[in-house]
Amino acid sequence: MPSAISRHLKHKRSRKQNPIANRPQPVAALPIASATAVGLILTLNFDEPVTLDGVPGFTTDVAGPEPVSAQKTAPNTVEITFSAAIAAATSINIPFRDPAIRNASGGYVVSNTFPV
């Protein structure tokens, strides 16, 4: 029985346990399965369905052309139209965490260079 001088101890949650609300949702990276460049269009195929929001900031090793528009032609295929011909391109430069193409868990396209 507590005496009149002592305080009643409150039950506190352990700080060692991280509540679920504070844990970030795990995301899976989104690798490119294949890429082809024909004329002005770069076609990217992925292993899983993706979402497209805006124009990706992808570039190629060909100097000058920049992405103008993008469209999703299939659940796992994205076509990016460039401002000039990119048929001579041999690689794609993918920026870090480009928000335009994501997968269902929120993962980004793996940032690196990818051969065409």
PDB file of N, CA and C in Angstrom:
ATOM      1  N   MET A   1       0.837  -1.159   0.000  1.00  0.00           N
ATOM      2  CA  MET A   1       0.000   0.000   0.000  1.00  0.00           C
ATOM      3  C   MET A   1       0.893   1.236   0.000  1.00  0.00           C
ATOM      4  N   PRO A   2       0.659   2.190  -0.920  1.00  0.00           N
ATOM      5  CA  PRO A   2       1.515   3.365  -0.971  1.00  0.00           C
ATOM      6  C   PRO A   2       1.262   4.276   0.218  1.00  0.00           C
ATOM      7  N   SER A   3       2.352   4.863   0.657  1.00  0.00           N
ATOM      8  CA  SER A   3       2.207   5.801   1.768  1.00  0.00           C
ATOM      9  C   SER A   3       1.751   7.151   1.239  1.00  0.00           C
ATOM     10  N   ALA A   4       1.406   8.062   2.110  1.00  0.00           N
ATOM     11  CA  ALA A   4       0.916   9.375   1.714  1.00  0.00           C
ATOM     12  C   ALA A   4       2.007  10.218   1.056  1.00  0.00           C
ATOM     13  N   ILE A   5       3.250   9.896   1.298  1.00  0.00           N
ATOM     14  CA  ILE A   5       4.357  10.683   0.749  1.00  0.00           C
ATOM     15  C   ILE A   5       4.770  10.193  -0.638  1.00  0.00           C
ATOM     16  N   SER A   6       4.649   8.948  -0.926  1.00  0.00           N
ATOM     17  CA  SER A   6       5.104   8.406  -2.217  1.00  0.00           C
ATOM     18  C   SER A   6       4.090   8.701  -3.332  1.00  0.00           C
ATOM     19  N   ARG A   7       4.610   8.716  -4.570  1.00  0.00           N
ATOM     20  CA  ARG A   7       3.749   8.954  -5.738  1.00  0.00           C
ATOM     21  C   ARG A   7       3.247   7.637  -6.296  1.00  0.00           C
ATOM     22  N   HIS A   8       2.149   7.718  -6.974  1.00  0.00           N
ATOM     23  CA  HIS A   8       1.632   6.555  -7.680  1.00  0.00           C
ATOM     24  C   HIS A   8       2.365   6.460  -9.018  1.00  0.00           C
ATOM     25  N   LEU A   9       2.957   5.338  -9.321  1.00  0.00           N
ATOM     26  CA  LEU A   9       3.692   5.163 -10.570  1.00  0.00           C
ATOM     27  C   LEU A   9       2.726   4.911 -11.716  1.00  0.00           C
ATOM     28  N   LYS A  10       2.919   5.653 -12.801  1.00  0.00           N
ATOM     29  CA  LYS A  10       2.087   5.455 -13.990  1.00  0.00           C
ATOM     30  C   LYS A  10       2.718   4.372 -14.842  1.00  0.00           C
ATOM     31  N   HIS A  11       1.879   3.619 -15.491  1.00  0.00           N
ATOM     32  CA  HIS A  11       2.379   2.591 -16.383  1.00  0.00           C
ATOM     33  C   HIS A  11       2.680   3.234 -17.729  1.00  0.00           C
ATOM     34  N   LYS A  12       3.919   3.147 -18.157  1.00  0.00           N
ATOM     35  CA  LYS A  12       4.313   3.721 -19.437  1.00  0.00           C
ATOM     36  C   LYS A  12       4.689   2.606 -20.399  1.00  0.00           C
ATOM     37  N   ARG A  13       4.446   2.865 -21.650  1.00  0.00           N
ATOM     38  CA  ARG A  13       4.824   1.923 -22.696  1.00  0.00           C
ATOM     39  C   ARG A  13       6.342   1.919 -22.833  1.00  0.00           C
ATOM     40  N   SER A  14       6.919   0.779 -23.064  1.00  0.00           N
ATOM     41  CA  SER A  14       8.361   0.665 -23.220  1.00  0.00           C
ATOM     42  C   SER A  14       8.821   1.445 -24.449  1.00  0.00           C
ATOM     43  N   ARG A  15       9.885   2.222 -24.295  1.00  0.00           N
ATOM     44  CA  ARG A  15      10.407   2.988 -25.420  1.00  0.00           C
ATOM     45  C   ARG A  15      11.205   2.123 -26.387  1.00  0.00           C
ATOM     46  N   LYS A  16      11.498   0.922 -25.975  1.00  0.00           N
ATOM     47  CA  LYS A  16      12.252   0.014 -26.842  1.00  0.00           C
ATOM     48  C   LYS A  16      11.383  -0.544 -27.963  1.00  0.00           C
ATOM     49  N   GLN A  17      10.098  -0.551 -27.767  1.00  0.00           N
ATOM     50  CA  GLN A  17       9.198  -1.061 -28.789  1.00  0.00           C
ATOM     51  C   GLN A  17       8.737   0.086 -29.668  1.00  0.00           C
ATOM     52  N   ASN A  18       8.840  -0.089 -30.958  1.00  0.00           N
ATOM     53  CA  ASN A  18       8.427   0.938 -31.907  1.00  0.00           C
ATOM     54  C   ASN A  18       7.005   0.621 -32.379  1.00  0.00           C
ATOM     55  N   PRO A  19       6.052   1.489 -32.115  1.00  0.00           N
ATOM     56  CA  PRO A  19       4.695   1.205 -32.576  1.00  0.00           C
ATOM     57  C   PRO A  19       4.623   1.114 -34.111  1.00  0.00           C
ATOM     58  N   ILE A  20       3.662   0.390 -34.580  1.00  0.00           N
ATOM     59  CA  ILE A  20       3.514   0.169 -36.015  1.00  0.00           C
ATOM     60  C   ILE A  20       3.360   1.479 -36.774  1.00  0.00           C
ATOM     61  N   ALA A  21       2.725   2.464 -36.190  1.00  0.00           N
ATOM     62  CA  ALA A  21       2.504   3.736 -36.872  1.00  0.00           C
ATOM     63  C   ALA A  21       3.808   4.462 -37.184  1.00  0.00           C
ATOM     64  N   ASN A  22       4.858   4.186 -36.437  1.00  0.00           N
ATOM     65  CA  ASN A  22       6.141   4.852 -36.669  1.00  0.00           C
ATOM     66  C   ASN A  22       7.075   4.083 -37.584  1.00  0.00           C
ATOM     67  N   ARG A  23       6.695   2.917 -37.995  1.00  0.00           N
ATOM     68  CA  ARG A  23       7.535   2.133 -38.897  1.00  0.00           C
ATOM     69  C   ARG A  23       7.191   2.484 -40.340  1.00  0.00           C
ATOM     70  N   PRO A  24       8.193   2.796 -41.153  1.00  0.00           N
ATOM     71  CA  PRO A  24       7.886   3.069 -42.560  1.00  0.00           C
ATOM     72  C   PRO A  24       7.444   1.789 -43.270  1.00  0.00           C
ATOM     73  N   GLN A  25       6.591   1.959 -44.249  1.00  0.00           N
ATOM     74  CA  GLN A  25       6.109   0.820 -45.009  1.00  0.00           C
ATOM     75  C   GLN A  25       7.261   0.276 -45.857  1.00  0.00           C
ATOM     76  N   PRO A  26       7.506  -1.032 -45.809  1.00  0.00           N
ATOM     77  CA  PRO A  26       8.587  -1.583 -46.622  1.00  0.00           C
ATOM     78  C   PRO A  26       8.229  -1.489 -48.105  1.00  0.00           C
ATOM     79  N   VAL A  27       9.187  -1.089 -48.904  1.00  0.00           N
ATOM     80  CA  VAL A  27       8.961  -0.980 -50.341  1.00  0.00           C
ATOM     81  C   VAL A  27       9.967  -1.848 -51.071  1.00  0.00           C
ATOM     82  N   ALA A  28       9.553  -2.371 -52.195  1.00  0.00           N
ATOM     83  CA  ALA A  28      10.426  -3.194 -53.023  1.00  0.00           C
ATOM     84  C   ALA A  28      10.915  -2.359 -54.201  1.00  0.00           C
ATOM     85  N   ALA A  29      12.183  -2.481 -54.520  1.00  0.00           N
ATOM     86  CA  ALA A  29      12.752  -1.770 -55.662  1.00  0.00           C
ATOM     87  C   ALA A  29      12.085  -2.263 -56.944  1.00  0.00           C
ATOM     88  N   LEU A  30      12.115  -1.430 -57.958  1.00  0.00           N
ATOM     89  CA  LEU A  30      11.459  -1.738 -59.226  1.00  0.00           C
ATOM     90  C   LEU A  30      12.510  -1.822 -60.328  1.00  0.00           C
ATOM     91  N   PRO A  31      13.021  -3.020 -60.621  1.00  0.00           N
ATOM     92  CA  PRO A  31      14.019  -3.143 -61.683  1.00  0.00           C
ATOM     93  C   PRO A  31      13.365  -3.156 -63.071  1.00  0.00           C
ATOM     94  N   ILE A  32      14.101  -2.691 -64.047  1.00  0.00           N
ATOM     95  CA  ILE A  32      13.641  -2.715 -65.445  1.00  0.00           C
ATOM     96  C   ILE A  32      13.972  -4.088 -66.023  1.00  0.00           C
ATOM     97  N   ALA A  33      12.994  -4.723 -66.675  1.00  0.00           N
ATOM     98  CA  ALA A  33      13.218  -6.030 -67.284  1.00  0.00           C
ATOM     99  C   ALA A  33      13.898  -5.878 -68.645  1.00  0.00           C
ATOM    100  N   SER A  34      13.411  -4.920 -69.466  1.00  0.00           N
ATOM    101  CA  SER A  34      14.021  -4.687 -70.778  1.00  0.00           C
ATOM    102  C   SER A  34      13.705  -3.279 -71.244  1.00  0.00           C
ATOM    103  N   ALA A  35      14.525  -2.787 -72.161  1.00  0.00           N
ATOM    104  CA  ALA A  35      14.334  -1.450 -72.716  1.00  0.00           C
ATOM    105  C   ALA A  35      14.716  -1.459 -74.186  1.00  0.00           C
ATOM    106  N   THR A  36      13.912  -0.754 -75.003  1.00  0.00           N
ATOM    107  CA  THR A  36      14.216  -0.614 -76.427  1.00  0.00           C
ATOM    108  C   THR A  36      14.011   0.828 -76.839  1.00  0.00           C
ATOM    109  N   ALA A  37      14.854   1.289 -77.748  1.00  0.00           N
ATOM    110  CA  ALA A  37      14.752   2.659 -78.264  1.00  0.00           C
ATOM    111  C   ALA A  37      14.585   2.594 -79.774  1.00  0.00           C
ATOM    112  N   VAL A  38      13.462   3.138 -80.258  1.00  0.00           N
ATOM    113  CA  VAL A  38      13.176   3.182 -81.689  1.00  0.00           C
ATOM    114  C   VAL A  38      12.697   4.593 -82.017  1.00  0.00           C
ATOM    115  N   GLY A  39      13.440   5.290 -82.868  1.00  0.00           N
ATOM    116  CA  GLY A  39      13.051   6.644 -83.250  1.00  0.00           C
ATOM    117  C   GLY A  39      13.077   7.585 -82.061  1.00  0.00           C
ATOM    118  N   LEU A  40      11.915   8.150 -81.726  1.00  0.00           N
ATOM    119  CA  LEU A  40      11.792   9.081 -80.598  1.00  0.00           C
ATOM    120  C   LEU A  40      11.333   8.393 -79.315  1.00  0.00           C
ATOM    121  N   ILE A  41      10.982   7.115 -79.402  1.00  0.00           N
ATOM    122  CA  ILE A  41      10.315   6.433 -78.291  1.00  0.00           C
ATOM    123  C   ILE A  41      11.227   5.427 -77.590  1.00  0.00           C
ATOM    124  N   LEU A  42      11.249   5.543 -76.270  1.00  0.00           N
ATOM    125  CA  LEU A  42      11.942   4.585 -75.413  1.00  0.00           C
ATOM    126  C   LEU A  42      10.870   3.758 -74.717  1.00  0.00           C
ATOM    127  N   THR A  43      10.906   2.435 -74.900  1.00  0.00           N
ATOM    128  CA  THR A  43       9.921   1.539 -74.301  1.00  0.00           C
ATOM    129  C   THR A  43      10.580   0.781 -73.161  1.00  0.00           C
ATOM    130  N   LEU A  44       9.976   0.889 -71.971  1.00  0.00           N
ATOM    131  CA  LEU A  44      10.476   0.199 -70.787  1.00  0.00           C
ATOM    132  C   LEU A  44       9.500  -0.873 -70.361  1.00  0.00           C
ATOM    133  N   ASN A  45       9.989  -2.096 -70.154  1.00  0.00           N
ATOM    134  CA  ASN A  45       9.172  -3.206 -69.665  1.00  0.00           C
ATOM    135  C   ASN A  45       9.639  -3.559 -68.259  1.00  0.00           C
ATOM    136  N   PHE A  46       8.673  -3.764 -67.359  1.00  0.00           N
ATOM    137  CA  PHE A  46       8.963  -4.107 -65.974  1.00  0.00           C
ATOM    138  C   PHE A  46       8.423  -5.496 -65.665  1.00  0.00           C
ATOM    139  N   ASP A  47       8.898  -6.102 -64.583  1.00  0.00           N
ATOM    140  CA  ASP A  47       8.449  -7.436 -64.178  1.00  0.00           C
ATOM    141  C   ASP A  47       7.086  -7.430 -63.494  1.00  0.00           C
ATOM    142  N   GLU A  48       6.616  -6.255 -63.082  1.00  0.00           N
ATOM    143  CA  GLU A  48       5.360  -6.149 -62.352  1.00  0.00           C
ATOM    144  C   GLU A  48       4.594  -4.916 -62.811  1.00  0.00           C
ATOM    145  N   PRO A  49       3.316  -4.814 -62.480  1.00  0.00           N
ATOM    146  CA  PRO A  49       2.539  -3.630 -62.859  1.00  0.00           C
ATOM    147  C   PRO A  49       3.099  -2.364 -62.201  1.00  0.00           C
ATOM    148  N   VAL A  50       3.021  -1.252 -62.921  1.00  0.00           N
ATOM    149  CA  VAL A  50       3.544   0.021 -62.435  1.00  0.00           C
ATOM    150  C   VAL A  50       2.479   1.112 -62.561  1.00  0.00           C
ATOM    151  N   THR A  51       2.707   2.222 -61.878  1.00  0.00           N
ATOM    152  CA  THR A  51       1.861   3.397 -62.042  1.00  0.00           C
ATOM    153  C   THR A  51       2.704   4.495 -62.657  1.00  0.00           C
ATOM    154  N   LEU A  52       2.077   5.317 -63.474  1.00  0.00           N
ATOM    155  CA  LEU A  52       2.777   6.415 -64.144  1.00  0.00           C
ATOM    156  C   LEU A  52       2.102   7.716 -63.750  1.00  0.00           C
ATOM    157  N   ASP A  53       2.903   8.664 -63.264  1.00  0.00           N
ATOM    158  CA  ASP A  53       2.380   9.964 -62.863  1.00  0.00           C
ATOM    159  C   ASP A  53       3.359  11.030 -63.352  1.00  0.00           C
ATOM    160  N   GLY A  54       3.081  11.596 -64.504  1.00  0.00           N
ATOM    161  CA  GLY A  54       3.956  12.620 -65.066  1.00  0.00           C
ATOM    162  C   GLY A  54       4.957  12.038 -66.052  1.00  0.00           C
ATOM    163  N   VAL A  55       5.994  12.812 -66.314  1.00  0.00           N
ATOM    164  CA  VAL A  55       7.038  12.403 -67.256  1.00  0.00           C
ATOM    165  C   VAL A  55       8.308  12.087 -66.475  1.00  0.00           C
ATOM    166  N   PRO A  56       8.845  10.873 -66.640  1.00  0.00           N
ATOM    167  CA  PRO A  56      10.078  10.526 -65.939  1.00  0.00           C
ATOM    168  C   PRO A  56      11.243  11.400 -66.399  1.00  0.00           C
ATOM    169  N   GLY A  57      12.193  11.625 -65.523  1.00  0.00           N
ATOM    170  CA  GLY A  57      13.373  12.427 -65.839  1.00  0.00           C
ATOM    171  C   GLY A  57      14.515  11.594 -66.384  1.00  0.00           C
ATOM    172  N   PHE A  58      14.209  10.484 -67.050  1.00  0.00           N
ATOM    173  CA  PHE A  58      15.241   9.613 -67.596  1.00  0.00           C
ATOM    174  C   PHE A  58      15.944  10.301 -68.766  1.00  0.00           C
ATOM    175  N   THR A  59      17.232  10.055 -68.903  1.00  0.00           N
ATOM    176  CA  THR A  59      17.994  10.563 -70.045  1.00  0.00           C
ATOM    177  C   THR A  59      18.744   9.399 -70.677  1.00  0.00           C
ATOM    178  N   THR A  60      19.313   9.656 -71.850  1.00  0.00           N
ATOM    179  CA  THR A  60      20.107   8.639 -72.530  1.00  0.00           C
ATOM    180  C   THR A  60      21.519   9.159 -72.723  1.00  0.00           C
ATOM    181  N   ASP A  61      22.382   8.297 -73.253  1.00  0.00           N
ATOM    182  CA  ASP A  61      23.756   8.718 -73.509  1.00  0.00           C
ATOM    183  C   ASP A  61      23.873   9.558 -74.784  1.00  0.00           C
ATOM    184  N   VAL A  62      22.774   9.769 -75.492  1.00  0.00           N
ATOM    185  CA  VAL A  62      22.747  10.645 -76.662  1.00  0.00           C
ATOM    186  C   VAL A  62      22.534  12.076 -76.146  1.00  0.00           C
ATOM    187  N   ALA A  63      23.433  12.981 -76.516  1.00  0.00           N
ATOM    188  CA  ALA A  63      23.343  14.366 -76.035  1.00  0.00           C
ATOM    189  C   ALA A  63      22.187  15.108 -76.710  1.00  0.00           C
ATOM    190  N   GLY A  64      21.417  15.845 -75.927  1.00  0.00           N
ATOM    191  CA  GLY A  64      20.360  16.698 -76.473  1.00  0.00           C
ATOM    192  C   GLY A  64      18.939  16.288 -76.186  1.00  0.00           C
ATOM    193  N   PRO A  65      18.503  15.098 -76.593  1.00  0.00           N
ATOM    194  CA  PRO A  65      17.088  14.747 -76.410  1.00  0.00           C
ATOM    195  C   PRO A  65      16.671  14.714 -74.942  1.00  0.00           C
ATOM    196  N   GLU A  66      15.487  15.266 -74.677  1.00  0.00           N
ATOM    197  CA  GLU A  66      14.916  15.244 -73.333  1.00  0.00           C
ATOM    198  C   GLU A  66      13.526  14.631 -73.395  1.00  0.00           C
ATOM    199  N   PRO A  67      13.068  13.990 -72.314  1.00  0.00           N
ATOM    200  CA  PRO A  67      11.730  13.394 -72.316  1.00  0.00           C
ATOM    201  C   PRO A  67      10.643  14.463 -72.412  1.00  0.00           C
ATOM    202  N   VAL A  68       9.683  14.244 -73.307  1.00  0.00           N
ATOM    203  CA  VAL A  68       8.600  15.198 -73.538  1.00  0.00           C
ATOM    204  C   VAL A  68       7.285  14.684 -72.966  1.00  0.00           C
ATOM    205  N   SER A  69       6.999  13.413 -73.191  1.00  0.00           N
ATOM    206  CA  SER A  69       5.751  12.828 -72.696  1.00  0.00           C
ATOM    207  C   SER A  69       5.958  11.351 -72.400  1.00  0.00           C
ATOM    208  N   ALA A  70       5.009  10.787 -71.658  1.00  0.00           N
ATOM    209  CA  ALA A  70       5.065   9.360 -71.329  1.00  0.00           C
ATOM    210  C   ALA A  70       3.650   8.814 -71.271  1.00  0.00           C
ATOM    211  N   GLN A  71       3.525   7.560 -71.642  1.00  0.00           N
ATOM    212  CA  GLN A  71       2.218   6.902 -71.545  1.00  0.00           C
ATOM    213  C   GLN A  71       2.418   5.445 -71.175  1.00  0.00           C
ATOM    214  N   LYS A  72       1.422   4.916 -70.488  1.00  0.00           N
ATOM    215  CA  LYS A  72       1.436   3.518 -70.076  1.00  0.00           C
ATOM    216  C   LYS A  72       0.638   2.731 -71.097  1.00  0.00           C
ATOM    217  N   THR A  73       1.295   1.818 -71.830  1.00  0.00           N
ATOM    218  CA  THR A  73       0.619   1.060 -72.881  1.00  0.00           C
ATOM    219  C   THR A  73       0.116  -0.292 -72.393  1.00  0.00           C
ATOM    220  N   ALA A  74       0.649  -0.773 -71.280  1.00  0.00           N
ATOM    221  CA  ALA A  74       0.217  -2.027 -70.661  1.00  0.00           C
ATOM    222  C   ALA A  74       0.481  -1.887 -69.162  1.00  0.00           C
ATOM    223  N   PRO A  75      -0.055  -2.783 -68.337  1.00  0.00           N
ATOM    224  CA  PRO A  75       0.180  -2.648 -66.903  1.00  0.00           C
ATOM    225  C   PRO A  75       1.656  -2.612 -66.508  1.00  0.00           C
ATOM    226  N   ASN A  76       2.515  -3.252 -67.305  1.00  0.00           N
ATOM    227  CA  ASN A  76       3.937  -3.279 -66.975  1.00  0.00           C
ATOM    228  C   ASN A  76       4.822  -2.629 -68.043  1.00  0.00           C
ATOM    229  N   THR A  77       4.253  -1.814 -68.922  1.00  0.00           N
ATOM    230  CA  THR A  77       5.011  -1.186 -70.012  1.00  0.00           C
ATOM    231  C   THR A  77       4.772   0.321 -70.044  1.00  0.00           C
ATOM    232  N   VAL A  78       5.864   1.082 -70.170  1.00  0.00           N
ATOM    233  CA  VAL A  78       5.796   2.535 -70.262  1.00  0.00           C
ATOM    234  C   VAL A  78       6.576   2.979 -71.487  1.00  0.00           C
ATOM    235  N   GLU A  79       5.968   3.872 -72.278  1.00  0.00           N
ATOM    236  CA  GLU A  79       6.650   4.446 -73.437  1.00  0.00           C
ATOM    237  C   GLU A  79       6.934   5.918 -73.151  1.00  0.00           C
ATOM    238  N   ILE A  80       8.204   6.309 -73.304  1.00  0.00           N
ATOM    239  CA  ILE A  80       8.618   7.691 -73.084  1.00  0.00           C
ATOM    240  C   ILE A  80       9.011   8.283 -74.434  1.00  0.00           C
ATOM    241  N   THR A  81       8.393   9.401 -74.803  1.00  0.00           N
ATOM    242  CA  THR A  81       8.700  10.080 -76.061  1.00  0.00           C
ATOM    243  C   THR A  81       9.706  11.193 -75.786  1.00  0.00           C
ATOM    244  N   PHE A  82      10.766  11.227 -76.592  1.00  0.00           N
ATOM    245  CA  PHE A  82      11.826  12.223 -76.440  1.00  0.00           C
ATOM    246  C   PHE A  82      11.697  13.319 -77.495  1.00  0.00           C
ATOM    247  N   SER A  83      12.416  14.421 -77.295  1.00  0.00           N
ATOM    248  CA  SER A  83      12.333  15.574 -78.189  1.00  0.00           C
ATOM    249  C   SER A  83      13.119  15.374 -79.481  1.00  0.00           C
ATOM    250  N   ALA A  84      14.002  14.399 -79.528  1.00  0.00           N
ATOM    251  CA  ALA A  84      14.788  14.094 -80.724  1.00  0.00           C
ATOM    252  C   ALA A  84      15.024  12.588 -80.762  1.00  0.00           C
ATOM    253  N   ALA A  85      15.556  12.110 -81.879  1.00  0.00           N
ATOM    254  CA  ALA A  85      15.778  10.672 -82.063  1.00  0.00           C
ATOM    255  C   ALA A  85      16.782  10.131 -81.045  1.00  0.00           C
ATOM    256  N   ILE A  86      16.444   8.980 -80.473  1.00  0.00           N
ATOM    257  CA  ILE A  86      17.329   8.332 -79.509  1.00  0.00           C
ATOM    258  C   ILE A  86      17.676   6.903 -79.939  1.00  0.00           C
ATOM    259  N   ALA A  87      17.487   6.601 -81.216  1.00  0.00           N
ATOM    260  CA  ALA A  87      17.739   5.254 -81.713  1.00  0.00           C
ATOM    261  C   ALA A  87      19.198   4.836 -81.524  1.00  0.00           C
ATOM    262  N   ALA A  88      20.116   5.794 -81.470  1.00  0.00           N
ATOM    263  CA  ALA A  88      21.541   5.480 -81.300  1.00  0.00           C
ATOM    264  C   ALA A  88      21.923   5.286 -79.836  1.00  0.00           C
ATOM    265  N   ALA A  89      20.989   5.415 -78.939  1.00  0.00           N
ATOM    266  CA  ALA A  89      21.287   5.302 -77.511  1.00  0.00           C
ATOM    267  C   ALA A  89      21.705   3.887 -77.147  1.00  0.00           C
ATOM    268  N   THR A  90      22.684   3.798 -76.252  1.00  0.00           N
ATOM    269  CA  THR A  90      23.141   2.490 -75.773  1.00  0.00           C
ATOM    270  C   THR A  90      22.839   2.288 -74.291  1.00  0.00           C
ATOM    271  N   SER A  91      22.497   3.384 -73.580  1.00  0.00           N
ATOM    272  CA  SER A  91      22.160   3.238 -72.165  1.00  0.00           C
ATOM    273  C   SER A  91      21.183   4.330 -71.713  1.00  0.00           C
ATOM    274  N   ILE A  92      20.449   4.025 -70.631  1.00  0.00           N
ATOM    275  CA  ILE A  92      19.494   4.955 -70.025  1.00  0.00           C
ATOM    276  C   ILE A  92      20.069   5.370 -68.681  1.00  0.00           C
ATOM    277  N   ASN A  93      20.022   6.657 -68.377  1.00  0.00           N
ATOM    278  CA  ASN A  93      20.444   7.162 -67.070  1.00  0.00           C
ATOM    279  C   ASN A  93      19.190   7.395 -66.234  1.00  0.00           C
ATOM    280  N   ILE A  94      19.085   6.690 -65.114  1.00  0.00           N
ATOM    281  CA  ILE A  94      17.897   6.764 -64.273  1.00  0.00           C
ATOM    282  C   ILE A  94      18.236   7.565 -63.018  1.00  0.00           C
ATOM    283  N   PRO A  95      17.541   8.694 -62.776  1.00  0.00           N
ATOM    284  CA  PRO A  95      17.842   9.498 -61.588  1.00  0.00           C
ATOM    285  C   PRO A  95      17.382   8.806 -60.302  1.00  0.00           C
ATOM    286  N   PHE A  96      17.952   9.241 -59.185  1.00  0.00           N
ATOM    287  CA  PHE A  96      17.631   8.676 -57.878  1.00  0.00           C
ATOM    288  C   PHE A  96      16.202   9.035 -57.481  1.00  0.00           C
ATOM    289  N   ARG A  97      15.396   8.032 -57.186  1.00  0.00           N
ATOM    290  CA  ARG A  97      14.013   8.178 -56.720  1.00  0.00           C
ATOM    291  C   ARG A  97      13.160   9.106 -57.580  1.00  0.00           C
ATOM    292  N   ASP A  98      13.147   8.837 -58.871  1.00  0.00           N
ATOM    293  CA  ASP A  98      12.280   9.593 -59.778  1.00  0.00           C
ATOM    294  C   ASP A  98      10.834   9.194 -59.478  1.00  0.00           C
ATOM    295  N   PRO A  99       9.962  10.147 -59.114  1.00  0.00           N
ATOM    296  CA  PRO A  99       8.614   9.801 -58.656  1.00  0.00           C
ATOM    297  C   PRO A  99       7.614   9.437 -59.751  1.00  0.00           C
ATOM    298  N   ALA A 100       7.990   9.520 -61.015  1.00  0.00           N
ATOM    299  CA  ALA A 100       7.026   9.307 -62.096  1.00  0.00           C
ATOM    300  C   ALA A 100       6.588   7.854 -62.236  1.00  0.00           C
ATOM    301  N   ILE A 101       7.474   6.901 -62.044  1.00  0.00           N
ATOM    302  CA  ILE A 101       7.140   5.487 -62.201  1.00  0.00           C
ATOM    303  C   ILE A 101       7.347   4.799 -60.858  1.00  0.00           C
ATOM    304  N   ARG A 102       6.266   4.173 -60.343  1.00  0.00           N
ATOM    305  CA  ARG A 102       6.321   3.490 -59.045  1.00  0.00           C
ATOM    306  C   ARG A 102       5.614   2.145 -59.156  1.00  0.00           C
ATOM    307  N   ASN A 103       5.886   1.245 -58.213  1.00  0.00           N
ATOM    308  CA  ASN A 103       5.159  -0.024 -58.175  1.00  0.00           C
ATOM    309  C   ASN A 103       4.080   0.038 -57.100  1.00  0.00           C
ATOM    310  N   ALA A 104       3.354  -1.045 -56.892  1.00  0.00           N
ATOM    311  CA  ALA A 104       2.214  -1.046 -55.972  1.00  0.00           C
ATOM    312  C   ALA A 104       2.619  -0.773 -54.525  1.00  0.00           C
ATOM    313  N   SER A 105       3.822  -1.177 -54.126  1.00  0.00           N
ATOM    314  CA  SER A 105       4.246  -0.939 -52.746  1.00  0.00           C
ATOM    315  C   SER A 105       4.905   0.424 -52.574  1.00  0.00           C
ATOM    316  N   GLY A 106       5.015   1.199 -53.649  1.00  0.00           N
ATOM    317  CA  GLY A 106       5.601   2.528 -53.560  1.00  0.00           C
ATOM    318  C   GLY A 106       7.067   2.580 -53.912  1.00  0.00           C
ATOM    319  N   GLY A 107       7.620   1.475 -54.400  1.00  0.00           N
ATOM    320  CA  GLY A 107       9.038   1.416 -54.742  1.00  0.00           C
ATOM    321  C   GLY A 107       9.361   2.209 -55.988  1.00  0.00           C
ATOM    322  N   TYR A 108      10.592   2.703 -56.052  1.00  0.00           N
ATOM    323  CA  TYR A 108      11.070   3.485 -57.185  1.00  0.00           C
ATOM    324  C   TYR A 108      11.831   2.592 -58.158  1.00  0.00           C
ATOM    325  N   VAL A 109      12.008   3.088 -59.386  1.00  0.00           N
ATOM    326  CA  VAL A 109      12.832   2.391 -60.362  1.00  0.00           C
ATOM    327  C   VAL A 109      14.268   2.451 -59.841  1.00  0.00           C
ATOM    328  N   VAL A 110      14.977   1.346 -59.940  1.00  0.00           N
ATOM    329  CA  VAL A 110      16.348   1.272 -59.447  1.00  0.00           C
ATOM    330  C   VAL A 110      17.188   2.318 -60.165  1.00  0.00           C
ATOM    331  N   SER A 111      17.863   3.186 -59.397  1.00  0.00           N
ATOM    332  CA  SER A 111      18.638   4.279 -59.995  1.00  0.00           C
ATOM    333  C   SER A 111      20.040   3.804 -60.382  1.00  0.00           C
ATOM    334  N   ASN A 112      20.298   3.830 -61.658  1.00  0.00           N
ATOM    335  CA  ASN A 112      21.601   3.476 -62.214  1.00  0.00           C
ATOM    336  C   ASN A 112      21.531   3.684 -63.721  1.00  0.00           C
ATOM    337  N   THR A 113      22.401   3.052 -64.437  1.00  0.00           N
ATOM    338  CA  THR A 113      22.299   3.072 -65.904  1.00  0.00           C
ATOM    339  C   THR A 113      21.842   1.691 -66.349  1.00  0.00           C
ATOM    340  N   PHE A 114      21.045   1.669 -67.409  1.00  0.00           N
ATOM    341  CA  PHE A 114      20.506   0.415 -67.923  1.00  0.00           C
ATOM    342  C   PHE A 114      20.785   0.353 -69.409  1.00  0.00           C
ATOM    343  N   PRO A 115      21.311  -0.777 -69.921  1.00  0.00           N
ATOM    344  CA  PRO A 115      21.608  -0.876 -71.353  1.00  0.00           C
ATOM    345  C   PRO A 115      20.337  -0.953 -72.203  1.00  0.00           C
ATOM    346  N   VAL A 116      20.407  -0.358 -73.387  1.00  0.00           N
ATOM    347  CA  VAL A 116      19.269  -0.389 -74.315  1.00  0.00           C
ATOM    348  C   VAL A 116      19.538  -1.448 -75.352  1.00  0.00           C
TER     349      VAL A 116
END
